[in-house]
C-alpha cells in the first residue's frame, strides 16, 4: 500500500507542480508563457557566461588527478581517517567530492564495484555521496554566473560543511554498519 502511494506521488508530483504554477500565474495575471521565454533567454545567457569558469575548473581537476596530487593528498590524510575508523580506500572520494560530482561518482562506483554495495566501504561511499556537496563546482557555477569575484568565506564554509559531512558519514556508518 505504501509503495503504491509513493509511486503515485512520484508520478504525479511534477505535473501537479507545473499545473499549480500555471494556475498561480493565471490567477495573478502573469503572462506565463512570455515570462518563461524571457527566463529561458536569461538562462541561456547565464550558461554562456559561465562556460569559461567551468572549463577552468575541469582543467584544474584533470591536472589535479593526472599529476598524482590526489594520491599524495590521500596518503597525507590517511592517518587522520584511520583515527576516526574510516578505511584508507575512501580517501580519494573524500578529496574529490568537493571538486567534481562526476569524478566523485566515478570513484564511488569503482569502490562499490571493487568492494560490493553491502560492504562497509560501499555503504560509506554511498552515504558520503549523499551527505557532502561539490563545493567548488557550486561556487564556480553560481558565483560565476552572477559575477561574484570574492568568495573566500564561502569556500571556507563550504569546505567545513564538506568536512562535517565526511565525518558525519564516517560516524553514522561506524554506528550503523559495523
Protein backbone atom coordinates (compact mmCIF):
# COMPACT_ATOMS: atom_id res chain seq x y z
CA UNK A 1 0.00 0.00 0.00
CA UNK A 2 2.77 2.43 0.97
CA UNK A 3 4.77 1.58 -2.15
CA UNK A 4 1.76 2.26 -4.39
CA UNK A 5 1.18 5.60 -2.68
CA UNK A 6 4.84 6.59 -3.09
CA UNK A 7 4.76 5.59 -6.75
CA UNK A 8 1.62 7.68 -7.32
CA UNK A 9 3.16 10.69 -5.55
CA UNK A 10 6.37 10.28 -7.56
CA UNK A 11 4.50 10.01 -10.84
CA UNK A 12 2.20 12.98 -10.27
CA UNK A 13 4.33 15.45 -8.26
CA UNK A 14 5.97 17.23 -11.21
CA UNK A 15 2.80 17.58 -13.34
CA UNK A 16 0.89 18.84 -10.29
CA UNK A 17 3.61 21.40 -9.53
CA UNK A 18 3.66 22.63 -13.13
CA UNK A 19 -0.13 22.92 -13.15
CA UNK A 20 -0.05 24.74 -9.78
CA UNK A 21 2.43 27.34 -11.04
CA UNK A 22 0.49 27.83 -14.27
CA UNK A 23 -2.70 28.30 -12.26
CA UNK A 24 -0.99 30.68 -9.83
CA UNK A 25 0.36 32.74 -12.73
CA UNK A 26 -3.08 32.85 -14.34
CA UNK A 27 -4.70 33.97 -11.04
CA UNK A 28 -2.08 36.71 -10.60
CA UNK A 29 -2.48 37.71 -14.27
CA UNK A 30 1.16 36.99 -15.10
CA UNK A 31 1.85 36.33 -18.80
CA UNK A 32 3.25 32.88 -18.03
CA UNK A 33 4.48 31.93 -21.49
CA UNK A 34 6.22 35.27 -22.04
CA UNK A 35 7.81 35.08 -18.58
CA UNK A 36 9.01 31.55 -19.36
CA UNK A 37 10.54 32.64 -22.67
CA UNK A 38 12.26 35.61 -21.02
CA UNK A 39 13.64 33.38 -18.23
CA UNK A 40 14.85 30.80 -20.75
CA UNK A 41 16.70 33.52 -22.66
CA UNK A 42 18.34 34.78 -19.48
CA UNK A 43 19.25 31.20 -18.55
CA UNK A 44 20.91 30.71 -21.93
CA UNK A 45 22.94 33.90 -21.47
CA UNK A 46 23.96 32.73 -17.99
CA UNK A 47 25.07 29.37 -19.40
CA UNK A 48 27.26 31.13 -21.96
CA UNK A 49 28.69 33.44 -19.29
CA UNK A 50 29.81 30.54 -17.02
CA UNK A 51 31.47 28.40 -19.70
CA UNK A 52 34.97 29.85 -19.08
CA UNK A 53 34.63 29.17 -15.33
CA UNK A 54 33.57 25.58 -15.99
CA UNK A 55 36.40 24.96 -18.46
CA UNK A 56 38.96 26.32 -15.98
CA UNK A 57 37.55 24.16 -13.19
CA UNK A 58 37.50 20.97 -15.28
CA UNK A 59 41.08 21.55 -16.46
CA UNK A 60 42.24 22.12 -12.87
CA UNK A 61 40.51 18.92 -11.70
CA UNK A 62 42.06 16.89 -14.50
CA UNK A 63 45.53 18.27 -13.73
CA UNK A 64 44.96 17.51 -10.03
CA UNK A 65 44.12 13.87 -10.76
CA UNK A 66 46.66 13.19 -13.54
CA UNK A 67 49.58 14.84 -11.74
CA UNK A 68 49.31 12.47 -8.80
CA UNK A 69 48.43 15.23 -6.36
CA UNK A 70 45.23 13.37 -5.43
CA UNK A 71 47.21 10.31 -4.34
CA UNK A 72 49.76 12.42 -2.44
CA UNK A 73 47.00 14.26 -0.61
CA UNK A 74 45.19 10.99 0.15
CA UNK A 75 48.38 9.49 1.55
CA UNK A 76 48.93 12.54 3.77
CA UNK A 77 45.37 12.41 5.15
CA UNK A 78 45.31 8.64 5.77
CA UNK A 79 46.39 8.71 9.46
CA UNK A 80 43.60 11.13 10.35
CA UNK A 81 40.96 8.99 8.67
CA UNK A 82 42.26 5.82 10.33
CA UNK A 83 41.95 7.61 13.68
CA UNK A 84 38.21 8.05 13.02
CA UNK A 85 37.72 4.46 11.87
CA UNK A 86 37.48 5.07 8.17
CA UNK A 87 39.21 2.88 5.59
CA UNK A 88 42.00 4.48 3.58
CA UNK A 89 40.32 3.40 0.32
CA UNK A 90 37.68 6.10 0.81
CA UNK A 91 40.20 8.97 0.76
CA UNK A 92 40.23 9.70 -2.98
CA UNK A 93 36.43 10.00 -2.86
CA UNK A 94 36.58 12.27 0.19
CA UNK A 95 39.08 14.55 -1.55
CA UNK A 96 37.38 14.55 -4.95
CA UNK A 97 33.80 15.10 -3.74
CA UNK A 98 34.16 18.88 -3.11
CA UNK A 99 35.77 19.28 -6.54
CA UNK A 100 33.67 17.34 -9.01
CA UNK A 101 30.44 15.40 -8.73
CA UNK A 102 31.09 13.29 -11.82
CA UNK A 103 34.62 12.37 -10.71
CA UNK A 104 33.36 11.56 -7.23
CA UNK A 105 30.57 9.44 -8.68
CA UNK A 106 33.13 7.56 -10.78
CA UNK A 107 35.28 6.93 -7.71
CA UNK A 108 32.25 5.80 -5.68
CA UNK A 109 31.23 3.46 -8.50
CA UNK A 110 34.73 1.96 -8.56
CA UNK A 111 34.63 1.43 -4.78
CA UNK A 112 31.23 -0.23 -4.95
CA UNK A 113 32.31 -2.47 -7.84
CA UNK A 114 35.51 -3.44 -6.04
CA UNK A 115 34.20 -3.96 -2.51
CA UNK A 116 30.48 -4.53 -3.10
CA UNK A 117 27.44 -2.40 -2.33
CA UNK A 118 26.85 -4.09 1.05
CA UNK A 119 30.45 -3.75 2.23
CA UNK A 120 31.39 -1.09 4.76
CA UNK A 121 33.35 0.78 2.09
CA UNK A 122 30.45 0.61 -0.37
CA UNK A 123 27.99 1.88 2.20
CA UNK A 124 30.35 4.61 3.37
CA UNK A 125 30.89 5.75 -0.23
CA UNK A 126 27.13 5.89 -0.75
CA UNK A 127 26.50 7.85 2.44
CA UNK A 128 29.34 10.25 1.59
CA UNK A 129 27.85 10.88 -1.84
CA UNK A 130 24.60 11.92 -0.19
CA UNK A 131 25.99 13.97 2.68
CA UNK A 132 28.59 16.15 1.00
CA UNK A 133 28.41 18.56 -1.90
CA UNK A 134 30.53 19.66 -4.83
CA UNK A 135 31.60 22.92 -3.21
CA UNK A 136 33.94 24.18 -5.92
CA UNK A 137 31.51 23.30 -8.71
CA UNK A 138 28.71 25.15 -6.90
CA UNK A 139 30.91 28.18 -6.33
CA UNK A 140 32.12 28.15 -9.93
CA UNK A 141 28.67 27.87 -11.47
CA UNK A 142 26.57 30.01 -9.15
CA UNK A 143 29.07 32.66 -8.17
CA UNK A 144 30.48 32.83 -11.69
CA UNK A 145 27.02 33.23 -13.20
CA UNK A 146 26.30 36.37 -11.19
CA UNK A 147 29.83 37.78 -11.32
CA UNK A 148 30.84 37.38 -7.68
CA UNK A 149 34.63 37.52 -7.56
CA UNK A 150 35.34 37.47 -3.82
CA UNK A 151 34.10 34.24 -2.31
CA UNK A 152 36.82 33.43 0.19
CA UNK A 153 34.38 32.97 3.09
CA UNK A 154 32.03 30.84 1.01
CA UNK A 155 34.90 28.48 0.13
CA UNK A 156 35.88 28.11 3.77
CA UNK A 157 32.31 27.46 4.92
CA UNK A 158 31.64 25.08 2.03
CA UNK A 159 34.74 23.04 2.80
CA UNK A 160 33.86 22.99 6.50
CA UNK A 161 30.41 21.70 5.57
CA UNK A 162 32.02 19.02 3.39
CA UNK A 163 34.35 18.04 6.22
CA UNK A 164 31.39 17.86 8.60
CA UNK A 165 29.51 15.70 6.11
CA UNK A 166 32.54 13.42 5.76
CA UNK A 167 32.93 12.90 9.49
CA UNK A 168 29.17 12.53 9.97
CA UNK A 169 29.18 9.85 7.25
CA UNK A 170 32.01 8.01 8.96
CA UNK A 171 30.31 8.24 12.37
CA UNK A 172 26.92 7.11 11.03
CA UNK A 173 28.39 4.21 9.07
CA UNK A 174 30.54 3.10 12.00
CA UNK A 175 27.47 3.06 14.25
CA UNK A 176 25.04 1.51 11.78
CA UNK A 177 27.11 -0.91 9.73
CA UNK A 178 29.99 -2.17 11.89
